[in-house]
Amino acid sequence: MLVLAGAPEADPQLGFARALHAEGDYYRAIGEYKRFLYLYPDSPAAQEARLAIGRAYVHGGQGEAAEEYFLTLAELSPEWRSRARLEIGWARYLGGRSEAAALSLRAFLREQGAQPGADVDRARYLLGWALLSEGRGEQAAEAFASVTPFPEQGRLTESARSWGTLPRKSPVVAGLLSVVPGAGHLYIGEPVVALGALAWNGLFSFALYESIRRDQIGVAVLLGALELLWYSGTIFGAISGAQKYNRDVRQEALDSLRARYDDRPEDWPPRPPTRPEG
């Protein structure tokens, strides 16, 4: 535990906040961190407490509150203004807002320029994960490769580079094949749905033919409308199925990588993930 010069009584105060944070009691931890800052605003550990408050908001699922808090820290000093962009990028990534996270992280890196350091490496690393979440494998690989060498860097970079080789189904092809009812669903790996689409479209088509042959105009119009809806639904279903297939493949690959690497480090270098696989 950090020993605070000139304020030994501050140690238990901050230690209690840390303990609550570690236990997942983020709401109370935030209160204790704030109490610590009120009592010991000039403590050497004040910076740690300020940062911990924002991170506790993130871990507690209050991403917007975390952003607002980090923005208030940005007003304290130029150092905090820069650090806030990094922490906001981290918060956005944890909140599932990968595109917004990439914007904040890039802003931080532009401000830092070529200056090396742990924060720069962490920002580049987080940027790689944000880009990978958006399906931008090549850009993610560039971000990972730009980080100061760390364990598993090569494997992670290669995994990002191979993102474009993941199995994929073309929504356009799925839609075109669905001109023959069921063929689009067969293409995306849904044989049961394909068989059902073929059977139902065939049934409606036969019923429509019979109603026309028997001069049952009203029935023919109704069946024609229903067949049009079913037929167009089959086409759009195949297209959306192809899009879902692509999302699922990418998400499974992303989850597999996240199970092997720490994709959301609070410090540098990243640690092995503690979240269970799956």
C-alpha atoms as a PDB file:
ATOM      1  CA  MET A   1       0.000   0.000   0.000  1.00  0.00           C
ATOM      2  CA  LEU A   2       1.197   3.489  -0.821  1.00  0.00           C
ATOM      3  CA  VAL A   3       2.606   5.382   2.180  1.00  0.00           C
ATOM      4  CA  LEU A   4       1.715   9.057   2.162  1.00  0.00           C
ATOM      5  CA  ALA A   5       4.393  11.312   3.568  1.00  0.00           C
ATOM      6  CA  GLY A   6       3.112  13.657   6.224  1.00  0.00           C
ATOM      7  CA  ALA A   7      -0.361  12.099   6.333  1.00  0.00           C
ATOM      8  CA  PRO A   8      -0.231   8.558   7.783  1.00  0.00           C
ATOM      9  CA  GLU A   9      -3.928   8.729   8.623  1.00  0.00           C
ATOM     10  CA  ALA A  10      -4.695   8.983   4.902  1.00  0.00           C
ATOM     11  CA  ASP A  11      -3.503   5.452   4.263  1.00  0.00           C
ATOM     12  CA  PRO A  12      -6.527   3.657   5.770  1.00  0.00           C
ATOM     13  CA  GLN A  13      -8.870   6.083   4.045  1.00  0.00           C
ATOM     14  CA  LEU A  14      -7.476   5.361   0.585  1.00  0.00           C
ATOM     15  CA  GLY A  15      -7.011   1.674   1.399  1.00  0.00           C
ATOM     16  CA  PHE A  16     -10.698   1.331   2.222  1.00  0.00           C
ATOM     17  CA  ALA A  17     -11.618   2.944  -1.103  1.00  0.00           C
ATOM     18  CA  ARG A  18      -9.313   0.563  -2.935  1.00  0.00           C
ATOM     19  CA  ALA A  19     -10.838  -2.420  -1.144  1.00  0.00           C
ATOM     20  CA  LEU A  20     -14.375  -1.380  -2.080  1.00  0.00           C
ATOM     21  CA  HIS A  21     -13.252  -0.875  -5.681  1.00  0.00           C
ATOM     22  CA  ALA A  22     -11.634  -4.321  -5.786  1.00  0.00           C
ATOM     23  CA  GLU A  23     -14.819  -5.902  -4.379  1.00  0.00           C
ATOM     24  CA  GLY A  24     -16.932  -4.307  -7.101  1.00  0.00           C
ATOM     25  CA  ASP A  25     -18.704  -1.914  -4.738  1.00  0.00           C
ATOM     26  CA  TYR A  26     -18.056   0.968  -7.107  1.00  0.00           C
ATOM     27  CA  TYR A  27     -20.678   3.374  -5.796  1.00  0.00           C
ATOM     28  CA  ARG A  28     -19.263   3.333  -2.266  1.00  0.00           C
ATOM     29  CA  ALA A  29     -15.702   3.336  -3.592  1.00  0.00           C
ATOM     30  CA  ILE A  30     -16.383   6.568  -5.452  1.00  0.00           C
ATOM     31  CA  GLY A  31     -17.669   8.118  -2.226  1.00  0.00           C
ATOM     32  CA  GLU A  32     -14.553   7.058  -0.320  1.00  0.00           C
ATOM     33  CA  TYR A  33     -12.222   8.346  -3.037  1.00  0.00           C
ATOM     34  CA  LYS A  34     -14.038  11.684  -2.947  1.00  0.00           C
ATOM     35  CA  ARG A  35     -13.816  11.750   0.860  1.00  0.00           C
ATOM     36  CA  PHE A  36     -10.080  11.128   0.581  1.00  0.00           C
ATOM     37  CA  LEU A  37      -9.668  14.006  -1.881  1.00  0.00           C
ATOM     38  CA  TYR A  38     -11.667  16.314   0.399  1.00  0.00           C
ATOM     39  CA  LEU A  39      -9.516  15.460   3.409  1.00  0.00           C
ATOM     40  CA  TYR A  40      -6.160  15.224   1.639  1.00  0.00           C
ATOM     41  CA  PRO A  41      -6.318  17.272  -1.586  1.00  0.00           C
ATOM     42  CA  ASP A  42      -2.539  17.762  -1.629  1.00  0.00           C
ATOM     43  CA  SER A  43      -1.645  14.146  -0.959  1.00  0.00           C
ATOM     44  CA  PRO A  44       0.824  12.471  -3.346  1.00  0.00           C
ATOM     45  CA  ALA A  45      -1.936   9.908  -3.942  1.00  0.00           C
ATOM     46  CA  ALA A  46      -4.524  12.503  -4.982  1.00  0.00           C
ATOM     47  CA  GLN A  47      -3.863  11.837  -8.661  1.00  0.00           C
ATOM     48  CA  GLU A  48      -4.454   8.133  -8.134  1.00  0.00           C
ATOM     49  CA  ALA A  49      -7.738   8.833  -6.347  1.00  0.00           C
ATOM     50  CA  ARG A  50      -8.976  11.154  -9.094  1.00  0.00           C
ATOM     51  CA  LEU A  51      -8.217   8.596 -11.770  1.00  0.00           C
ATOM     52  CA  ALA A  52      -9.786   5.806  -9.708  1.00  0.00           C
ATOM     53  CA  ILE A  53     -13.079   7.717  -9.453  1.00  0.00           C
ATOM     54  CA  GLY A  54     -13.441   7.865 -13.238  1.00  0.00           C
ATOM     55  CA  ARG A  55     -12.531   4.209 -13.612  1.00  0.00           C
ATOM     56  CA  ALA A  56     -14.999   3.212 -10.894  1.00  0.00           C
ATOM     57  CA  TYR A  57     -17.741   4.958 -12.864  1.00  0.00           C
ATOM     58  CA  VAL A  58     -16.764   2.909 -15.930  1.00  0.00           C
ATOM     59  CA  HIS A  59     -16.659  -0.396 -14.050  1.00  0.00           C
ATOM     60  CA  GLY A  60     -20.023   0.444 -12.521  1.00  0.00           C
ATOM     61  CA  GLY A  61     -21.586   0.763 -15.970  1.00  0.00           C
ATOM     62  CA  GLN A  62     -21.865   4.556 -15.882  1.00  0.00           C
ATOM     63  CA  GLY A  63     -19.943   5.388 -19.040  1.00  0.00           C
ATOM     64  CA  GLU A  64     -21.523   8.799 -19.569  1.00  0.00           C
ATOM     65  CA  ALA A  65     -20.834   9.818 -15.978  1.00  0.00           C
ATOM     66  CA  ALA A  66     -17.237   8.685 -16.439  1.00  0.00           C
ATOM     67  CA  GLU A  67     -16.821  10.835 -19.548  1.00  0.00           C
ATOM     68  CA  GLU A  68     -18.243  13.867 -17.778  1.00  0.00           C
ATOM     69  CA  TYR A  69     -15.936  13.274 -14.843  1.00  0.00           C
ATOM     70  CA  PHE A  70     -12.828  12.886 -16.996  1.00  0.00           C
ATOM     71  CA  LEU A  71     -13.765  16.122 -18.782  1.00  0.00           C
ATOM     72  CA  THR A  72     -13.786  17.918 -15.426  1.00  0.00           C
ATOM     73  CA  LEU A  73     -10.298  16.520 -14.764  1.00  0.00           C
ATOM     74  CA  ALA A  74      -9.196  17.909 -18.125  1.00  0.00           C
ATOM     75  CA  GLU A  75      -9.730  21.399 -16.705  1.00  0.00           C
ATOM     76  CA  LEU A  76      -7.201  20.841 -13.912  1.00  0.00           C
ATOM     77  CA  SER A  77      -4.020  20.952 -15.988  1.00  0.00           C
ATOM     78  CA  PRO A  78      -2.599  20.338 -19.493  1.00  0.00           C
ATOM     79  CA  GLU A  79      -1.432  16.925 -18.266  1.00  0.00           C
ATOM     80  CA  TRP A  80      -4.960  15.968 -17.250  1.00  0.00           C
ATOM     81  CA  ARG A  81      -6.383  17.408 -20.471  1.00  0.00           C
ATOM     82  CA  SER A  82      -4.274  14.947 -22.439  1.00  0.00           C
ATOM     83  CA  ARG A  83      -4.800  12.052 -20.038  1.00  0.00           C
ATOM     84  CA  ALA A  84      -8.565  12.591 -20.105  1.00  0.00           C
ATOM     85  CA  ARG A  85      -8.671  11.804 -23.828  1.00  0.00           C
ATOM     86  CA  LEU A  86      -6.934   8.496 -23.199  1.00  0.00           C
ATOM     87  CA  GLU A  87      -9.244   7.557 -20.336  1.00  0.00           C
ATOM     88  CA  ILE A  88     -12.340   8.611 -22.277  1.00  0.00           C
ATOM     89  CA  GLY A  89     -11.197   6.412 -25.156  1.00  0.00           C
ATOM     90  CA  TRP A  90     -10.763   3.513 -22.736  1.00  0.00           C
ATOM     91  CA  ALA A  91     -14.206   4.171 -21.206  1.00  0.00           C
ATOM     92  CA  ARG A  92     -15.873   4.312 -24.600  1.00  0.00           C
ATOM     93  CA  TYR A  93     -14.262   1.061 -25.668  1.00  0.00           C
ATOM     94  CA  LEU A  94     -15.447  -0.710 -22.525  1.00  0.00           C
ATOM     95  CA  GLY A  95     -18.904   0.706 -23.172  1.00  0.00           C
ATOM     96  CA  GLY A  96     -19.019  -0.877 -26.626  1.00  0.00           C
ATOM     97  CA  ARG A  97     -18.577   2.412 -28.484  1.00  0.00           C
ATOM     98  CA  SER A  98     -15.564   1.375 -30.528  1.00  0.00           C
ATOM     99  CA  GLU A  99     -15.808   4.057 -33.200  1.00  0.00           C
ATOM    100  CA  ALA A 100     -16.084   6.854 -30.631  1.00  0.00           C
ATOM    101  CA  ALA A 101     -13.221   5.269 -28.671  1.00  0.00           C
ATOM    102  CA  ALA A 102     -10.990   5.338 -31.752  1.00  0.00           C
ATOM    103  CA  LEU A 103     -11.688   9.058 -32.237  1.00  0.00           C
ATOM    104  CA  SER A 104     -10.670   9.896 -28.667  1.00  0.00           C
ATOM    105  CA  LEU A 105      -7.580   7.676 -28.748  1.00  0.00           C
ATOM    106  CA  ARG A 106      -6.420   9.161 -32.044  1.00  0.00           C
ATOM    107  CA  ALA A 107      -6.860  12.656 -30.621  1.00  0.00           C
ATOM    108  CA  PHE A 108      -4.664  11.672 -27.670  1.00  0.00           C
ATOM    109  CA  LEU A 109      -1.993  10.193 -29.951  1.00  0.00           C
ATOM    110  CA  ARG A 110      -1.974  13.263 -32.202  1.00  0.00           C
ATOM    111  CA  GLU A 111      -1.356  15.450 -29.187  1.00  0.00           C
ATOM    112  CA  GLN A 112       1.463  13.198 -27.962  1.00  0.00           C
ATOM    113  CA  GLY A 113       3.162  13.083 -31.365  1.00  0.00           C
ATOM    114  CA  ALA A 114       6.212  10.824 -31.485  1.00  0.00           C
ATOM    115  CA  GLN A 115       6.721  11.025 -27.733  1.00  0.00           C
ATOM    116  CA  PRO A 116       7.256   7.498 -26.351  1.00  0.00           C
ATOM    117  CA  GLY A 117       5.827   6.262 -23.095  1.00  0.00           C
ATOM    118  CA  ALA A 118       3.521   3.809 -21.368  1.00  0.00           C
ATOM    119  CA  ASP A 119       0.418   5.946 -21.992  1.00  0.00           C
ATOM    120  CA  VAL A 120       1.197   6.193 -25.707  1.00  0.00           C
ATOM    121  CA  ASP A 121       1.673   2.435 -25.950  1.00  0.00           C
ATOM    122  CA  ARG A 122      -1.550   1.820 -24.069  1.00  0.00           C
ATOM    123  CA  ALA A 123      -3.417   4.213 -26.377  1.00  0.00           C
ATOM    124  CA  ARG A 124      -2.061   2.516 -29.511  1.00  0.00           C
ATOM    125  CA  TYR A 125      -2.932  -0.879 -28.099  1.00  0.00           C
ATOM    126  CA  LEU A 126      -6.482   0.192 -27.204  1.00  0.00           C
ATOM    127  CA  LEU A 127      -6.837   1.806 -30.627  1.00  0.00           C
ATOM    128  CA  GLY A 128      -5.952  -1.534 -32.209  1.00  0.00           C
ATOM    129  CA  TRP A 129      -8.744  -3.252 -30.306  1.00  0.00           C
ATOM    130  CA  ALA A 130     -11.241  -0.505 -31.121  1.00  0.00           C
ATOM    131  CA  LEU A 131     -10.420  -0.779 -34.822  1.00  0.00           C
ATOM    132  CA  LEU A 132     -10.596  -4.567 -34.688  1.00  0.00           C
ATOM    133  CA  SER A 133     -14.053  -4.301 -33.131  1.00  0.00           C
ATOM    134  CA  GLU A 134     -15.068  -2.211 -36.133  1.00  0.00           C
ATOM    135  CA  GLY A 135     -13.744  -4.875 -38.528  1.00  0.00           C
ATOM    136  CA  ARG A 136     -10.726  -2.830 -39.637  1.00  0.00           C
ATOM    137  CA  GLY A 137      -8.133  -5.566 -39.414  1.00  0.00           C
ATOM    138  CA  GLU A 138      -5.321  -3.922 -41.383  1.00  0.00           C
ATOM    139  CA  GLN A 139      -5.576  -0.647 -39.448  1.00  0.00           C
ATOM    140  CA  ALA A 140      -5.710  -2.578 -36.176  1.00  0.00           C
ATOM    141  CA  ALA A 141      -2.573  -4.500 -37.161  1.00  0.00           C
ATOM    142  CA  GLU A 142      -0.767  -1.206 -37.834  1.00  0.00           C
ATOM    143  CA  ALA A 143      -1.782   0.072 -34.389  1.00  0.00           C
ATOM    144  CA  PHE A 144      -0.578  -3.099 -32.635  1.00  0.00           C
ATOM    145  CA  ALA A 145       2.684  -3.113 -34.606  1.00  0.00           C
ATOM    146  CA  SER A 146       3.411   0.508 -33.603  1.00  0.00           C
ATOM    147  CA  VAL A 147       3.450  -0.365 -29.897  1.00  0.00           C
ATOM    148  CA  THR A 148       6.757  -0.843 -28.107  1.00  0.00           C
ATOM    149  CA  PRO A 149       7.366  -4.626 -28.217  1.00  0.00           C
ATOM    150  CA  PHE A 150       5.394  -6.577 -25.629  1.00  0.00           C
ATOM    151  CA  PRO A 151       4.704 -10.300 -25.138  1.00  0.00           C
ATOM    152  CA  GLU A 152       2.424 -11.800 -27.806  1.00  0.00           C
ATOM    153  CA  GLN A 153       2.615  -8.636 -29.912  1.00  0.00           C
ATOM    154  CA  GLY A 154       3.516 -10.594 -33.052  1.00  0.00           C
ATOM    155  CA  ARG A 155       0.669 -13.065 -32.721  1.00  0.00           C
ATOM    156  CA  LEU A 156      -1.886 -10.370 -32.001  1.00  0.00           C
ATOM    157  CA  THR A 157      -0.707  -8.306 -34.963  1.00  0.00           C
ATOM    158  CA  GLU A 158      -0.904 -11.307 -37.293  1.00  0.00           C
ATOM    159  CA  SER A 159      -4.377 -12.148 -36.032  1.00  0.00           C
ATOM    160  CA  ALA A 160      -5.488  -8.630 -36.907  1.00  0.00           C
ATOM    161  CA  ARG A 161      -3.887  -8.863 -40.348  1.00  0.00           C
ATOM    162  CA  SER A 162      -5.778 -12.076 -41.054  1.00  0.00           C
ATOM    163  CA  TRP A 163      -9.130 -10.465 -40.179  1.00  0.00           C
ATOM    164  CA  GLY A 164      -9.989 -10.122 -43.856  1.00  0.00           C
ATOM    165  CA  THR A 165      -9.661 -13.886 -44.355  1.00  0.00           C
ATOM    166  CA  LEU A 166     -12.462 -14.731 -41.914  1.00  0.00           C
ATOM    167  CA  PRO A 167     -15.316 -16.703 -43.537  1.00  0.00           C
ATOM    168  CA  ARG A 168     -17.852 -14.364 -45.088  1.00  0.00           C
ATOM    169  CA  LYS A 169     -21.159 -14.577 -46.927  1.00  0.00           C
ATOM    170  CA  SER A 170     -22.060 -11.936 -49.488  1.00  0.00           C
ATOM    171  CA  PRO A 171     -25.478 -10.341 -48.835  1.00  0.00           C
ATOM    172  CA  VAL A 172     -25.679  -9.494 -52.560  1.00  0.00           C
ATOM    173  CA  VAL A 173     -25.106 -13.102 -53.594  1.00  0.00           C
ATOM    174  CA  ALA A 174     -27.595 -14.295 -50.972  1.00  0.00           C
ATOM    175  CA  GLY A 175     -30.214 -11.920 -52.358  1.00  0.00           C
ATOM    176  CA  LEU A 176     -29.589 -12.875 -55.992  1.00  0.00           C
ATOM    177  CA  LEU A 177     -29.703 -16.590 -55.237  1.00  0.00           C
ATOM    178  CA  SER A 178     -33.026 -16.096 -53.475  1.00  0.00           C
ATOM    179  CA  VAL A 179     -34.626 -15.488 -56.872  1.00  0.00           C
ATOM    180  CA  VAL A 180     -34.942 -19.266 -56.544  1.00  0.00           C
ATOM    181  CA  PRO A 181     -36.750 -19.524 -53.185  1.00  0.00           C
ATOM    182  CA  GLY A 182     -34.520 -21.074 -50.529  1.00  0.00           C
ATOM    183  CA  ALA A 183     -31.275 -20.925 -52.513  1.00  0.00           C
ATOM    184  CA  GLY A 184     -30.076 -17.845 -50.621  1.00  0.00           C
ATOM    185  CA  HIS A 185     -30.707 -19.504 -47.258  1.00  0.00           C
ATOM    186  CA  LEU A 186     -28.932 -22.632 -48.452  1.00  0.00           C
ATOM    187  CA  TYR A 187     -25.939 -20.437 -49.372  1.00  0.00           C
ATOM    188  CA  ILE A 188     -25.720 -18.978 -45.853  1.00  0.00           C
ATOM    189  CA  GLY A 189     -25.934 -22.402 -44.230  1.00  0.00           C
ATOM    190  CA  GLU A 190     -29.621 -22.580 -43.269  1.00  0.00           C
ATOM    191  CA  PRO A 191     -30.885 -25.717 -45.051  1.00  0.00           C
ATOM    192  CA  VAL A 192     -34.022 -26.118 -42.922  1.00  0.00           C
ATOM    193  CA  VAL A 193     -35.090 -22.512 -43.595  1.00  0.00           C
ATOM    194  CA  ALA A 194     -34.214 -23.015 -47.258  1.00  0.00           C
ATOM    195  CA  LEU A 195     -36.458 -26.079 -47.485  1.00  0.00           C
ATOM    196  CA  GLY A 196     -39.284 -24.244 -45.747  1.00  0.00           C
ATOM    197  CA  ALA A 197     -38.952 -21.235 -48.067  1.00  0.00           C
ATOM    198  CA  LEU A 198     -39.028 -23.475 -51.132  1.00  0.00           C
ATOM    199  CA  ALA A 199     -42.034 -25.432 -49.865  1.00  0.00           C
ATOM    200  CA  TRP A 200     -44.104 -22.400 -48.870  1.00  0.00           C
ATOM    201  CA  ASN A 201     -43.338 -20.469 -52.026  1.00  0.00           C
ATOM    202  CA  GLY A 202     -44.157 -23.549 -54.073  1.00  0.00           C
ATOM    203  CA  LEU A 203     -47.426 -24.002 -52.206  1.00  0.00           C
ATOM    204  CA  PHE A 204     -48.467 -20.383 -52.686  1.00  0.00           C
ATOM    205  CA  SER A 205     -47.478 -20.486 -56.359  1.00  0.00           C
ATOM    206  CA  PHE A 206     -49.517 -23.630 -56.949  1.00  0.00           C
ATOM    207  CA  ALA A 207     -52.533 -22.208 -55.137  1.00  0.00           C
ATOM    208  CA  LEU A 208     -52.231 -19.003 -57.163  1.00  0.00           C
ATOM    209  CA  TYR A 209     -52.079 -20.966 -60.401  1.00  0.00           C
ATOM    210  CA  GLU A 210     -55.145 -23.000 -59.450  1.00  0.00           C
ATOM    211  CA  SER A 211     -57.172 -19.932 -58.491  1.00  0.00           C
ATOM    212  CA  ILE A 212     -56.361 -18.257 -61.813  1.00  0.00           C
ATOM    213  CA  ARG A 213     -57.186 -21.437 -63.742  1.00  0.00           C
ATOM    214  CA  ARG A 214     -60.564 -21.566 -62.018  1.00  0.00           C
ATOM    215  CA  ASP A 215     -61.230 -17.851 -62.600  1.00  0.00           C
ATOM    216  CA  GLN A 216     -61.286 -17.153 -58.860  1.00  0.00           C
ATOM    217  CA  ILE A 217     -60.014 -13.596 -59.289  1.00  0.00           C
ATOM    218  CA  GLY A 218     -60.526 -12.454 -55.712  1.00  0.00           C
ATOM    219  CA  VAL A 219     -58.726 -15.457 -54.315  1.00  0.00           C
ATOM    220  CA  ALA A 220     -55.977 -15.050 -56.925  1.00  0.00           C
ATOM    221  CA  VAL A 221     -55.399 -11.405 -55.913  1.00  0.00           C
ATOM    222  CA  LEU A 222     -55.219 -12.334 -52.236  1.00  0.00           C
ATOM    223  CA  LEU A 223     -52.876 -15.255 -52.852  1.00  0.00           C
ATOM    224  CA  GLY A 224     -50.755 -13.117 -55.173  1.00  0.00           C
ATOM    225  CA  ALA A 225     -50.335 -10.468 -52.482  1.00  0.00           C
ATOM    226  CA  LEU A 226     -49.450 -13.086 -49.885  1.00  0.00           C
ATOM    227  CA  GLU A 227     -46.990 -14.781 -52.248  1.00  0.00           C
ATOM    228  CA  LEU A 228     -45.343 -11.436 -53.035  1.00  0.00           C
ATOM    229  CA  LEU A 229     -44.909 -10.743 -49.330  1.00  0.00           C
ATOM    230  CA  TRP A 230     -43.543 -14.225 -48.666  1.00  0.00           C
ATOM    231  CA  TYR A 231     -41.263 -14.165 -51.703  1.00  0.00           C
ATOM    232  CA  SER A 232     -39.806 -10.729 -50.912  1.00  0.00           C
ATOM    233  CA  GLY A 233     -39.492 -11.752 -47.272  1.00  0.00           C
ATOM    234  CA  THR A 234     -37.456 -14.773 -48.350  1.00  0.00           C
ATOM    235  CA  ILE A 235     -35.062 -12.521 -50.274  1.00  0.00           C
ATOM    236  CA  PHE A 236     -34.631  -9.999 -47.474  1.00  0.00           C
ATOM    237  CA  GLY A 237     -34.334 -12.821 -44.953  1.00  0.00           C
ATOM    238  CA  ALA A 238     -31.412 -14.283 -46.884  1.00  0.00           C
ATOM    239  CA  ILE A 239     -29.730 -10.873 -47.121  1.00  0.00           C
ATOM    240  CA  SER A 240     -30.100 -10.173 -43.388  1.00  0.00           C
ATOM    241  CA  GLY A 241     -29.022 -13.758 -42.668  1.00  0.00           C
ATOM    242  CA  ALA A 242     -25.779 -13.195 -44.574  1.00  0.00           C
ATOM    243  CA  GLN A 243     -25.164  -9.992 -42.623  1.00  0.00           C
ATOM    244  CA  LYS A 244     -25.843 -11.800 -39.339  1.00  0.00           C
ATOM    245  CA  TYR A 245     -23.517 -14.622 -40.377  1.00  0.00           C
ATOM    246  CA  ASN A 246     -20.714 -12.117 -40.968  1.00  0.00           C
ATOM    247  CA  ARG A 247     -21.352 -10.371 -37.637  1.00  0.00           C
ATOM    248  CA  ASP A 248     -21.387 -13.673 -35.762  1.00  0.00           C
ATOM    249  CA  VAL A 249     -18.149 -14.888 -37.359  1.00  0.00           C
ATOM    250  CA  ARG A 250     -16.407 -11.630 -36.533  1.00  0.00           C
ATOM    251  CA  GLN A 251     -17.778 -11.583 -32.977  1.00  0.00           C
ATOM    252  CA  GLU A 252     -16.692 -15.174 -32.330  1.00  0.00           C
ATOM    253  CA  ALA A 253     -13.182 -14.384 -33.586  1.00  0.00           C
ATOM    254  CA  LEU A 254     -13.097 -11.240 -31.436  1.00  0.00           C
ATOM    255  CA  ASP A 255     -14.288 -13.119 -28.351  1.00  0.00           C
ATOM    256  CA  SER A 256     -11.620 -15.758 -28.947  1.00  0.00           C
ATOM    257  CA  LEU A 257      -8.901 -13.093 -29.030  1.00  0.00           C
ATOM    258  CA  ARG A 258     -10.284 -11.349 -25.957  1.00  0.00           C
ATOM    259  CA  ALA A 259     -10.109 -14.647 -24.074  1.00  0.00           C
ATOM    260  CA  ARG A 260      -6.367 -14.830 -24.816  1.00  0.00           C
ATOM    261  CA  TYR A 261      -5.359 -11.174 -24.473  1.00  0.00           C
ATOM    262  CA  ASP A 262      -6.174  -8.276 -22.181  1.00  0.00           C
ATOM    263  CA  ASP A 263      -8.075  -5.979 -24.539  1.00  0.00           C
ATOM    264  CA  ARG A 264      -8.882  -3.332 -21.922  1.00  0.00           C
ATOM    265  CA  PRO A 265      -5.762  -2.638 -19.830  1.00  0.00           C
ATOM    266  CA  GLU A 266      -5.925   0.085 -17.208  1.00  0.00           C
ATOM    267  CA  ASP A 267      -2.139   0.228 -17.065  1.00  0.00           C
ATOM    268  CA  TRP A 268       0.772  -0.831 -19.240  1.00  0.00           C
ATOM    269  CA  PRO A 269       1.783  -3.470 -20.186  1.00  0.00           C
ATOM    270  CA  PRO A 270      -1.410  -5.534 -20.577  1.00  0.00           C
ATOM    271  CA  ARG A 271      -1.930  -8.492 -18.296  1.00  0.00           C
ATOM    272  CA  PRO A 272      -3.336 -11.949 -19.118  1.00  0.00           C
ATOM    273  CA  PRO A 273      -7.146 -11.694 -19.106  1.00  0.00           C
ATOM    274  CA  THR A 274      -8.960 -12.730 -15.946  1.00  0.00           C
ATOM    275  CA  ARG A 275     -12.385 -12.957 -17.602  1.00  0.00           C
ATOM    276  CA  PRO A 276     -13.510 -16.556 -18.252  1.00  0.00           C
ATOM    277  CA  GLU A 277     -13.585 -17.671 -21.861  1.00  0.00           C
ATOM    278  CA  GLY A 278     -16.942 -17.494 -23.590  1.00  0.00           C
END
